[in-house]
Amino acid sequence: MFSHFTLGSNDLERSKAFYTALGPTLGLPFLYVDHDEGYLSFGRPDGRRPPLNVCQPLDARPATAGNGFHIAFMAESEDAVKRFHATALAHGGRDEGAPSLRPIYAEDYYAAYVRDPDGNKLQAVCYLEGRKTGPSGDVISHITIGHADFERERNFYSAVLGALDVVELPDEAHDELAGFGKPGDRTPIIYVQRPFDGRPASFGNGTHVAFTAQSRDMVDRFHAAALAHGGSSEGEPGLRPHYSPNYYAAYVRDRVGNKLQAVCRKPAL
């Protein structure tokens, strides 16, 4: 489902120190630095997606953290959740919720929340009884995206994610919260919801979520669906050969300003 994630940084050396320490607690060690593009990459050594990229925003403005957006990583055990939390605090992060069970979500939901030095919100969660996972579900449990108008954003994401064969999951719906994923898979899930702090949803400058598309036509439909449902274009469908020869992608923003990408790495049929 997910190709990769990008988070903004105002100090790459500081971010490198933070994520180089934090990544191994989640099985996501430092992979490489791309000096030309100006980003760091953390992920599975075997190449399984999605990696986490950290970079200074392309628009040269300061990186900011979006209100309502966070990434929840899968942890292999309670101990890994504890190490994630302690490591983040020891390397310049701050606490957003100490390790504990959260039965409000599920009886086996053991999690901790932190923010990186730039304010990006991260979570580590271990499902003590286990659960069936889908593509990238061994890396990501879920993400949340903040909204300002539930029905409007629900319709937007139903259309945009539907173009990628990601559907709304009725069992994950609550008041003013919608969940999207692959039928039959309990993870990963995309939640669209109001921020918990009651403040307006906002986008993070430097943050974007890249979804995997199975064909170039799906990328085209993703872009068209976003524009037809109130989103804006951040890059029309096309090849981006500076990433790789078959990197066919499109970029959009939802009405809040959250940046999304669809990418297909397969050759044209």
C-alpha atoms as a PDB file:
ATOM      1  CA  MET A   1       0.000   0.000   0.000  1.00  0.00           C
ATOM      2  CA  PHE A   2       2.667   2.505   1.039  1.00  0.00           C
ATOM      3  CA  SER A   3       5.679   3.297  -1.144  1.00  0.00           C
ATOM      4  CA  HIS A   4       7.428   5.597   1.318  1.00  0.00           C
ATOM      5  CA  PHE A   5       7.005   8.415   3.808  1.00  0.00           C
ATOM      6  CA  THR A   6       8.775  11.754   3.926  1.00  0.00           C
ATOM      7  CA  LEU A   7       9.104  13.956   7.008  1.00  0.00           C
ATOM      8  CA  GLY A   8      10.505  17.473   7.052  1.00  0.00           C
ATOM      9  CA  SER A   9      13.634  18.440   8.943  1.00  0.00           C
ATOM     10  CA  ASN A  10      15.160  21.781   9.858  1.00  0.00           C
ATOM     11  CA  ASP A  11      18.504  20.220  10.760  1.00  0.00           C
ATOM     12  CA  LEU A  12      19.541  17.073   8.880  1.00  0.00           C
ATOM     13  CA  GLU A  13      22.462  16.271  11.169  1.00  0.00           C
ATOM     14  CA  ARG A  14      20.179  16.439  14.191  1.00  0.00           C
ATOM     15  CA  SER A  15      17.584  14.309  12.402  1.00  0.00           C
ATOM     16  CA  LYS A  16      20.226  11.794  11.374  1.00  0.00           C
ATOM     17  CA  ALA A  17      21.347  11.376  14.985  1.00  0.00           C
ATOM     18  CA  PHE A  18      17.740  11.000  16.188  1.00  0.00           C
ATOM     19  CA  TYR A  19      16.558   8.510  13.576  1.00  0.00           C
ATOM     20  CA  THR A  20      19.814   6.541  13.456  1.00  0.00           C
ATOM     21  CA  ALA A  21      19.250   5.835  17.153  1.00  0.00           C
ATOM     22  CA  LEU A  22      15.473   5.353  16.911  1.00  0.00           C
ATOM     23  CA  GLY A  23      15.251   3.284  13.722  1.00  0.00           C
ATOM     24  CA  PRO A  24      16.810   0.055  15.068  1.00  0.00           C
ATOM     25  CA  THR A  25      14.147  -0.146  17.795  1.00  0.00           C
ATOM     26  CA  LEU A  26      11.671  -0.633  14.924  1.00  0.00           C
ATOM     27  CA  GLY A  27      13.909  -2.696  12.639  1.00  0.00           C
ATOM     28  CA  LEU A  28      14.479   0.369  10.436  1.00  0.00           C
ATOM     29  CA  PRO A  29      18.207   1.177  10.453  1.00  0.00           C
ATOM     30  CA  PHE A  30      19.855   4.013   8.564  1.00  0.00           C
ATOM     31  CA  LEU A  31      20.171   3.091   4.891  1.00  0.00           C
ATOM     32  CA  TYR A  32      21.845   5.991   3.116  1.00  0.00           C
ATOM     33  CA  VAL A  33      22.039   9.711   2.584  1.00  0.00           C
ATOM     34  CA  ASP A  34      21.366  11.252  -0.830  1.00  0.00           C
ATOM     35  CA  HIS A  35      23.446  14.415  -0.870  1.00  0.00           C
ATOM     36  CA  ASP A  36      22.109  15.524  -4.264  1.00  0.00           C
ATOM     37  CA  GLU A  37      18.468  15.329  -3.200  1.00  0.00           C
ATOM     38  CA  GLY A  38      19.227  16.268   0.399  1.00  0.00           C
ATOM     39  CA  TYR A  39      17.503  13.474   2.294  1.00  0.00           C
ATOM     40  CA  LEU A  40      18.160  10.608   4.682  1.00  0.00           C
ATOM     41  CA  SER A  41      16.573   7.179   4.283  1.00  0.00           C
ATOM     42  CA  PHE A  42      15.742   4.607   6.963  1.00  0.00           C
ATOM     43  CA  GLY A  43      14.190   1.209   6.284  1.00  0.00           C
ATOM     44  CA  ARG A  44      14.495  -2.534   5.983  1.00  0.00           C
ATOM     45  CA  PRO A  45      17.894  -3.688   4.702  1.00  0.00           C
ATOM     46  CA  ASP A  46      16.126  -6.221   2.461  1.00  0.00           C
ATOM     47  CA  GLY A  47      14.383  -3.402   0.599  1.00  0.00           C
ATOM     48  CA  ARG A  48      10.864  -4.070   1.880  1.00  0.00           C
ATOM     49  CA  ARG A  49       8.737  -0.989   1.729  1.00  0.00           C
ATOM     50  CA  PRO A  50       7.982   1.533   3.016  1.00  0.00           C
ATOM     51  CA  PRO A  51      11.195   3.336   3.957  1.00  0.00           C
ATOM     52  CA  LEU A  52      11.118   6.575   5.936  1.00  0.00           C
ATOM     53  CA  ASN A  53      12.841   9.542   4.317  1.00  0.00           C
ATOM     54  CA  VAL A  54      13.759  12.701   6.200  1.00  0.00           C
ATOM     55  CA  CYS A  55      14.616  15.858   4.283  1.00  0.00           C
ATOM     56  CA  GLN A  56      14.604  19.608   4.269  1.00  0.00           C
ATOM     57  CA  PRO A  57      11.461  20.855   2.457  1.00  0.00           C
ATOM     58  CA  LEU A  58      11.858  21.346  -1.270  1.00  0.00           C
ATOM     59  CA  ASP A  59      10.288  24.810  -1.085  1.00  0.00           C
ATOM     60  CA  ALA A  60      13.184  25.972   1.157  1.00  0.00           C
ATOM     61  CA  ARG A  61      10.737  27.097   3.849  1.00  0.00           C
ATOM     62  CA  PRO A  62      10.972  25.775   7.421  1.00  0.00           C
ATOM     63  CA  ALA A  63       9.760  22.258   8.097  1.00  0.00           C
ATOM     64  CA  THR A  64       6.598  22.077  10.193  1.00  0.00           C
ATOM     65  CA  ALA A  65       4.626  19.235  11.754  1.00  0.00           C
ATOM     66  CA  GLY A  66       1.067  18.708  10.591  1.00  0.00           C
ATOM     67  CA  ASN A  67      -1.631  18.705  13.241  1.00  0.00           C
ATOM     68  CA  GLY A  68      -3.579  15.482  12.933  1.00  0.00           C
ATOM     69  CA  PHE A  69      -0.872  13.560  11.063  1.00  0.00           C
ATOM     70  CA  HIS A  70       1.193  10.770  12.545  1.00  0.00           C
ATOM     71  CA  ILE A  71       2.776   7.463  11.566  1.00  0.00           C
ATOM     72  CA  ALA A  72       2.290   4.358  13.727  1.00  0.00           C
ATOM     73  CA  PHE A  73       5.071   1.796  13.268  1.00  0.00           C
ATOM     74  CA  MET A  74       4.724  -1.873  14.150  1.00  0.00           C
ATOM     75  CA  ALA A  75       6.938  -2.991  17.053  1.00  0.00           C
ATOM     76  CA  GLU A  76       7.823  -6.625  17.624  1.00  0.00           C
ATOM     77  CA  SER A  77       7.256  -6.605  21.402  1.00  0.00           C
ATOM     78  CA  GLU A  78       6.391  -4.573  24.490  1.00  0.00           C
ATOM     79  CA  ASP A  79      10.111  -4.219  25.096  1.00  0.00           C
ATOM     80  CA  ALA A  80      10.598  -2.736  21.620  1.00  0.00           C
ATOM     81  CA  VAL A  81       7.872  -0.161  22.348  1.00  0.00           C
ATOM     82  CA  LYS A  82       9.637   0.773  25.583  1.00  0.00           C
ATOM     83  CA  ARG A  83      13.012   1.057  23.828  1.00  0.00           C
ATOM     84  CA  PHE A  84      11.431   3.197  21.076  1.00  0.00           C
ATOM     85  CA  HIS A  85      10.053   5.611  23.675  1.00  0.00           C
ATOM     86  CA  ALA A  86      13.198   5.774  25.813  1.00  0.00           C
ATOM     87  CA  THR A  87      15.490   6.169  22.791  1.00  0.00           C
ATOM     88  CA  ALA A  88      13.423   9.019  21.362  1.00  0.00           C
ATOM     89  CA  LEU A  89      13.567  10.949  24.643  1.00  0.00           C
ATOM     90  CA  ALA A  90      17.308  10.310  25.005  1.00  0.00           C
ATOM     91  CA  HIS A  91      17.998  11.782  21.539  1.00  0.00           C
ATOM     92  CA  GLY A  92      16.085  15.032  21.515  1.00  0.00           C
ATOM     93  CA  GLY A  93      12.499  13.832  21.093  1.00  0.00           C
ATOM     94  CA  ARG A  94       9.666  14.494  23.486  1.00  0.00           C
ATOM     95  CA  ASP A  95       6.991  12.385  25.103  1.00  0.00           C
ATOM     96  CA  GLU A  96       3.445  12.272  23.709  1.00  0.00           C
ATOM     97  CA  GLY A  97       2.324   9.194  25.634  1.00  0.00           C
ATOM     98  CA  ALA A  98       4.325   6.700  27.707  1.00  0.00           C
ATOM     99  CA  PRO A  99       4.319   2.964  26.900  1.00  0.00           C
ATOM    100  CA  SER A 100       1.121   1.271  28.068  1.00  0.00           C
ATOM    101  CA  LEU A 101      -1.911  -0.692  26.995  1.00  0.00           C
ATOM    102  CA  ARG A 102      -4.571   1.378  25.199  1.00  0.00           C
ATOM    103  CA  PRO A 103      -7.694  -0.796  25.515  1.00  0.00           C
ATOM    104  CA  ILE A 104      -9.760   2.035  24.061  1.00  0.00           C
ATOM    105  CA  TYR A 105      -8.323   0.908  20.700  1.00  0.00           C
ATOM    106  CA  ALA A 106      -8.019  -2.842  21.316  1.00  0.00           C
ATOM    107  CA  GLU A 107      -7.450  -5.051  24.324  1.00  0.00           C
ATOM    108  CA  ASP A 108      -3.981  -6.039  23.068  1.00  0.00           C
ATOM    109  CA  TYR A 109      -2.922  -2.555  21.871  1.00  0.00           C
ATOM    110  CA  TYR A 110       0.388  -1.694  23.584  1.00  0.00           C
ATOM    111  CA  ALA A 111       1.825   1.612  22.363  1.00  0.00           C
ATOM    112  CA  ALA A 112       3.887   4.725  22.993  1.00  0.00           C
ATOM    113  CA  TYR A 113       3.905   8.126  21.297  1.00  0.00           C
ATOM    114  CA  VAL A 114       6.723  10.617  20.757  1.00  0.00           C
ATOM    115  CA  ARG A 115       7.635  13.644  18.682  1.00  0.00           C
ATOM    116  CA  ASP A 116      10.929  14.016  16.849  1.00  0.00           C
ATOM    117  CA  PRO A 117      13.047  17.194  17.287  1.00  0.00           C
ATOM    118  CA  ASP A 118      11.020  18.912  14.522  1.00  0.00           C
ATOM    119  CA  GLY A 119       7.677  18.044  16.090  1.00  0.00           C
ATOM    120  CA  ASN A 120       6.672  15.151  13.814  1.00  0.00           C
ATOM    121  CA  LYS A 121       4.481  12.696  15.723  1.00  0.00           C
ATOM    122  CA  LEU A 122       5.428   9.005  15.733  1.00  0.00           C
ATOM    123  CA  GLN A 123       4.017   5.942  17.412  1.00  0.00           C
ATOM    124  CA  ALA A 124       5.209   2.409  18.060  1.00  0.00           C
ATOM    125  CA  VAL A 125       2.525  -0.221  18.637  1.00  0.00           C
ATOM    126  CA  CYS A 126       2.653  -3.913  19.427  1.00  0.00           C
ATOM    127  CA  TYR A 127      -0.494  -6.016  19.125  1.00  0.00           C
ATOM    128  CA  LEU A 128       0.067  -8.540  21.886  1.00  0.00           C
ATOM    129  CA  GLU A 129      -2.243 -11.148  20.362  1.00  0.00           C
ATOM    130  CA  GLY A 130      -1.005 -10.510  16.832  1.00  0.00           C
ATOM    131  CA  ARG A 131      -3.136  -9.734  13.823  1.00  0.00           C
ATOM    132  CA  LYS A 132      -3.262 -10.421  10.122  1.00  0.00           C
ATOM    133  CA  THR A 133      -1.197  -7.970   8.115  1.00  0.00           C
ATOM    134  CA  GLY A 134      -1.265  -6.895   4.508  1.00  0.00           C
ATOM    135  CA  PRO A 135       1.408  -5.361   2.272  1.00  0.00           C
ATOM    136  CA  SER A 136       3.748  -3.268   4.469  1.00  0.00           C
ATOM    137  CA  GLY A 137       1.655  -4.241   7.495  1.00  0.00           C
ATOM    138  CA  ASP A 138       4.751  -5.643   9.154  1.00  0.00           C
ATOM    139  CA  VAL A 139       6.271  -2.158   9.044  1.00  0.00           C
ATOM    140  CA  ILE A 140       3.289   0.169   9.458  1.00  0.00           C
ATOM    141  CA  SER A 141       0.235  -0.312  11.646  1.00  0.00           C
ATOM    142  CA  HIS A 142      -1.561   2.821  10.471  1.00  0.00           C
ATOM    143  CA  ILE A 143      -1.327   6.494   9.752  1.00  0.00           C
ATOM    144  CA  THR A 144      -3.693   9.295  10.688  1.00  0.00           C
ATOM    145  CA  ILE A 145      -4.494  12.308   8.505  1.00  0.00           C
ATOM    146  CA  GLY A 146      -6.267  15.291  10.029  1.00  0.00           C
ATOM    147  CA  HIS A 147      -9.437  16.653   8.486  1.00  0.00           C
ATOM    148  CA  ALA A 148     -11.497  19.822   8.831  1.00  0.00           C
ATOM    149  CA  ASP A 149     -14.817  18.563   7.412  1.00  0.00           C
ATOM    150  CA  PHE A 150     -15.585  14.880   7.880  1.00  0.00           C
ATOM    151  CA  GLU A 151     -17.951  14.204   4.990  1.00  0.00           C
ATOM    152  CA  ARG A 152     -15.910  16.315   2.593  1.00  0.00           C
ATOM    153  CA  GLU A 153     -12.639  14.593   3.426  1.00  0.00           C
ATOM    154  CA  ARG A 154     -14.274  11.167   3.591  1.00  0.00           C
ATOM    155  CA  ASN A 155     -15.560  11.649   0.041  1.00  0.00           C
ATOM    156  CA  PHE A 156     -12.149  12.906  -1.083  1.00  0.00           C
ATOM    157  CA  TYR A 157     -10.249   9.920   0.292  1.00  0.00           C
ATOM    158  CA  SER A 158     -12.879   7.431  -0.847  1.00  0.00           C
ATOM    159  CA  ALA A 159     -12.317   8.621  -4.415  1.00  0.00           C
ATOM    160  CA  VAL A 160      -8.549   9.135  -4.299  1.00  0.00           C
ATOM    161  CA  LEU A 161      -7.686   5.931  -2.449  1.00  0.00           C
ATOM    162  CA  GLY A 162     -10.331   4.047  -4.403  1.00  0.00           C
ATOM    163  CA  ALA A 163      -8.303   4.757  -7.528  1.00  0.00           C
ATOM    164  CA  LEU A 164      -5.553   2.660  -5.879  1.00  0.00           C
ATOM    165  CA  ASP A 165      -7.930  -0.147  -4.836  1.00  0.00           C
ATOM    166  CA  VAL A 166      -7.855   0.991  -1.198  1.00  0.00           C
ATOM    167  CA  VAL A 167     -11.385   1.040   0.193  1.00  0.00           C
ATOM    168  CA  GLU A 168     -13.275   2.335   3.199  1.00  0.00           C
ATOM    169  CA  LEU A 169     -13.474  -0.218   6.012  1.00  0.00           C
ATOM    170  CA  PRO A 170     -16.859  -0.037   7.781  1.00  0.00           C
ATOM    171  CA  ASP A 171     -15.544  -1.855  10.866  1.00  0.00           C
ATOM    172  CA  GLU A 172     -12.999   0.929  11.421  1.00  0.00           C
ATOM    173  CA  ALA A 173     -15.517   3.791  11.245  1.00  0.00           C
ATOM    174  CA  HIS A 174     -16.442   5.882  14.282  1.00  0.00           C
ATOM    175  CA  ASP A 175     -17.931   9.324  14.790  1.00  0.00           C
ATOM    176  CA  GLU A 176     -16.118  11.622  12.373  1.00  0.00           C
ATOM    177  CA  LEU A 177     -13.435   9.005  11.714  1.00  0.00           C
ATOM    178  CA  ALA A 178     -13.051   6.874   8.591  1.00  0.00           C
ATOM    179  CA  GLY A 179     -10.609   4.032   8.011  1.00  0.00           C
ATOM    180  CA  PHE A 180      -9.277   2.867   4.649  1.00  0.00           C
ATOM    181  CA  GLY A 181      -7.333  -0.249   3.753  1.00  0.00           C
ATOM    182  CA  LYS A 182      -7.335  -3.548   1.887  1.00  0.00           C
ATOM    183  CA  PRO A 183     -10.328  -5.816   2.547  1.00  0.00           C
ATOM    184  CA  GLY A 184      -9.402  -8.677   4.852  1.00  0.00           C
ATOM    185  CA  ASP A 185      -6.247  -7.013   6.221  1.00  0.00           C
ATOM    186  CA  ARG A 186      -6.253  -5.491   9.706  1.00  0.00           C
ATOM    187  CA  THR A 187      -3.121  -3.475   8.975  1.00  0.00           C
ATOM    188  CA  PRO A 188      -2.054  -1.134   7.567  1.00  0.00           C
ATOM    189  CA  ILE A 189      -4.931   1.358   7.802  1.00  0.00           C
ATOM    190  CA  ILE A 190      -5.289   5.015   6.847  1.00  0.00           C
ATOM    191  CA  TYR A 191      -7.432   6.918   9.331  1.00  0.00           C
ATOM    192  CA  VAL A 192      -8.957  10.272   8.422  1.00  0.00           C
ATOM    193  CA  GLN A 193     -10.058  12.054  11.587  1.00  0.00           C
ATOM    194  CA  ARG A 194     -10.218  15.274  13.537  1.00  0.00           C
ATOM    195  CA  PRO A 195      -7.072  16.063  15.572  1.00  0.00           C
ATOM    196  CA  PHE A 196      -7.351  14.855  19.161  1.00  0.00           C
ATOM    197  CA  ASP A 197      -6.278  18.227  20.570  1.00  0.00           C
ATOM    198  CA  GLY A 198      -9.338  19.980  19.137  1.00  0.00           C
ATOM    199  CA  ARG A 199      -7.242  22.437  17.155  1.00  0.00           C
ATOM    200  CA  PRO A 200      -7.631  22.797  13.387  1.00  0.00           C
ATOM    201  CA  ALA A 201      -6.048  20.159  11.171  1.00  0.00           C
ATOM    202  CA  SER A 202      -2.967  21.385   9.321  1.00  0.00           C
ATOM    203  CA  PHE A 203      -0.381  19.959   6.942  1.00  0.00           C
ATOM    204  CA  GLY A 204       3.288  19.524   7.701  1.00  0.00           C
ATOM    205  CA  ASN A 205       5.700  21.295   5.402  1.00  0.00           C
ATOM    206  CA  GLY A 206       8.088  18.611   4.220  1.00  0.00           C
ATOM    207  CA  THR A 207       5.667  15.774   5.004  1.00  0.00           C
ATOM    208  CA  HIS A 208       4.083  13.556   2.406  1.00  0.00           C
ATOM    209  CA  VAL A 209       2.724  10.041   2.035  1.00  0.00           C
ATOM    210  CA  ALA A 210       3.521   8.060  -1.118  1.00  0.00           C
ATOM    211  CA  PHE A 211       1.202   5.206  -2.089  1.00  0.00           C
ATOM    212  CA  THR A 212       2.138   2.337  -4.374  1.00  0.00           C
ATOM    213  CA  ALA A 213       0.113   2.079  -7.599  1.00  0.00           C
ATOM    214  CA  GLN A 214       0.024  -1.151  -9.563  1.00  0.00           C
ATOM    215  CA  SER A 215      -0.142   0.593 -12.940  1.00  0.00           C
ATOM    216  CA  ARG A 216       0.428   3.967 -14.547  1.00  0.00           C
ATOM    217  CA  ASP A 217      -3.291   4.168 -15.243  1.00  0.00           C
ATOM    218  CA  MET A 218      -3.928   4.006 -11.504  1.00  0.00           C
ATOM    219  CA  VAL A 219      -1.580   6.952 -11.009  1.00  0.00           C
ATOM    220  CA  ASP A 220      -3.546   8.900 -13.633  1.00  0.00           C
ATOM    221  CA  ARG A 221      -6.847   8.046 -11.953  1.00  0.00           C
ATOM    222  CA  PHE A 222      -5.486   8.982  -8.510  1.00  0.00           C
ATOM    223  CA  HIS A 223      -4.517  12.447  -9.771  1.00  0.00           C
ATOM    224  CA  ALA A 224      -7.812  12.988 -11.614  1.00  0.00           C
ATOM    225  CA  ALA A 225      -9.881  11.863  -8.616  1.00  0.00           C
ATOM    226  CA  ALA A 226      -8.095  14.288  -6.305  1.00  0.00           C
ATOM    227  CA  LEU A 227      -8.754  17.256  -8.582  1.00  0.00           C
ATOM    228  CA  ALA A 228     -12.374  16.221  -9.121  1.00  0.00           C
ATOM    229  CA  HIS A 229     -12.987  16.153  -5.354  1.00  0.00           C
ATOM    230  CA  GLY A 230     -11.529  19.477  -4.296  1.00  0.00           C
ATOM    231  CA  GLY A 231      -7.823  18.678  -4.135  1.00  0.00           C
ATOM    232  CA  SER A 232      -5.033  20.463  -5.960  1.00  0.00           C
ATOM    233  CA  SER A 233      -2.190  19.254  -8.160  1.00  0.00           C
ATOM    234  CA  GLU A 234       1.393  19.281  -6.909  1.00  0.00           C
ATOM    235  CA  GLY A 235       2.754  17.480  -9.952  1.00  0.00           C
ATOM    236  CA  GLU A 236       0.926  15.943 -12.902  1.00  0.00           C
ATOM    237  CA  PRO A 237       1.306  12.250 -13.759  1.00  0.00           C
ATOM    238  CA  GLY A 238       4.539  11.496 -15.538  1.00  0.00           C
ATOM    239  CA  LEU A 239       7.940   9.861 -15.394  1.00  0.00           C
ATOM    240  CA  ARG A 240      10.470  11.109 -12.832  1.00  0.00           C
ATOM    241  CA  PRO A 241      13.611   9.430 -14.214  1.00  0.00           C
ATOM    242  CA  HIS A 242      15.880  11.214 -11.734  1.00  0.00           C
ATOM    243  CA  TYR A 243      14.443   8.793  -9.124  1.00  0.00           C
ATOM    244  CA  SER A 244      14.544   5.685 -11.337  1.00  0.00           C
ATOM    245  CA  PRO A 245      13.905   4.924 -15.024  1.00  0.00           C
ATOM    246  CA  ASN A 246      10.315   3.671 -14.532  1.00  0.00           C
ATOM    247  CA  TYR A 247       9.298   5.991 -11.695  1.00  0.00           C
ATOM    248  CA  TYR A 248       5.849   7.166 -12.855  1.00  0.00           C
ATOM    249  CA  ALA A 249       4.185   9.390 -10.263  1.00  0.00           C
ATOM    250  CA  ALA A 250       1.726  12.171  -9.500  1.00  0.00           C
ATOM    251  CA  TYR A 251       1.432  14.494  -6.515  1.00  0.00           C
ATOM    252  CA  VAL A 252      -1.670  16.129  -5.025  1.00  0.00           C
ATOM    253  CA  ARG A 253      -2.858  17.929  -1.909  1.00  0.00           C
ATOM    254  CA  ASP A 254      -6.130  17.409  -0.080  1.00  0.00           C
ATOM    255  CA  ARG A 255      -8.210  20.396   1.037  1.00  0.00           C
ATOM    256  CA  VAL A 256      -6.322  20.670   4.321  1.00  0.00           C
ATOM    257  CA  GLY A 257      -3.046  20.752   2.391  1.00  0.00           C
ATOM    258  CA  ASN A 258      -1.748  17.252   3.178  1.00  0.00           C
ATOM    259  CA  LYS A 259       0.545  16.150   0.364  1.00  0.00           C
ATOM    260  CA  LEU A 260      -0.014  12.752  -1.226  1.00  0.00           C
ATOM    261  CA  GLN A 261       1.741  10.844  -3.984  1.00  0.00           C
ATOM    262  CA  ALA A 262       0.973   7.780  -6.077  1.00  0.00           C
ATOM    263  CA  VAL A 263       3.883   6.018  -7.744  1.00  0.00           C
ATOM    264  CA  CYS A 264       4.195   3.055 -10.089  1.00  0.00           C
ATOM    265  CA  ARG A 265       7.657   1.625 -10.683  1.00  0.00           C
ATOM    266  CA  LYS A 266       6.627  -0.829 -13.378  1.00  0.00           C
ATOM    267  CA  PRO A 267       7.407  -0.383 -17.082  1.00  0.00           C
ATOM    268  CA  ALA A 268       4.612   0.810 -19.360  1.00  0.00           C
ATOM    269  CA  LEU A 269       2.470  -2.019 -20.681  1.00  0.00           C
END
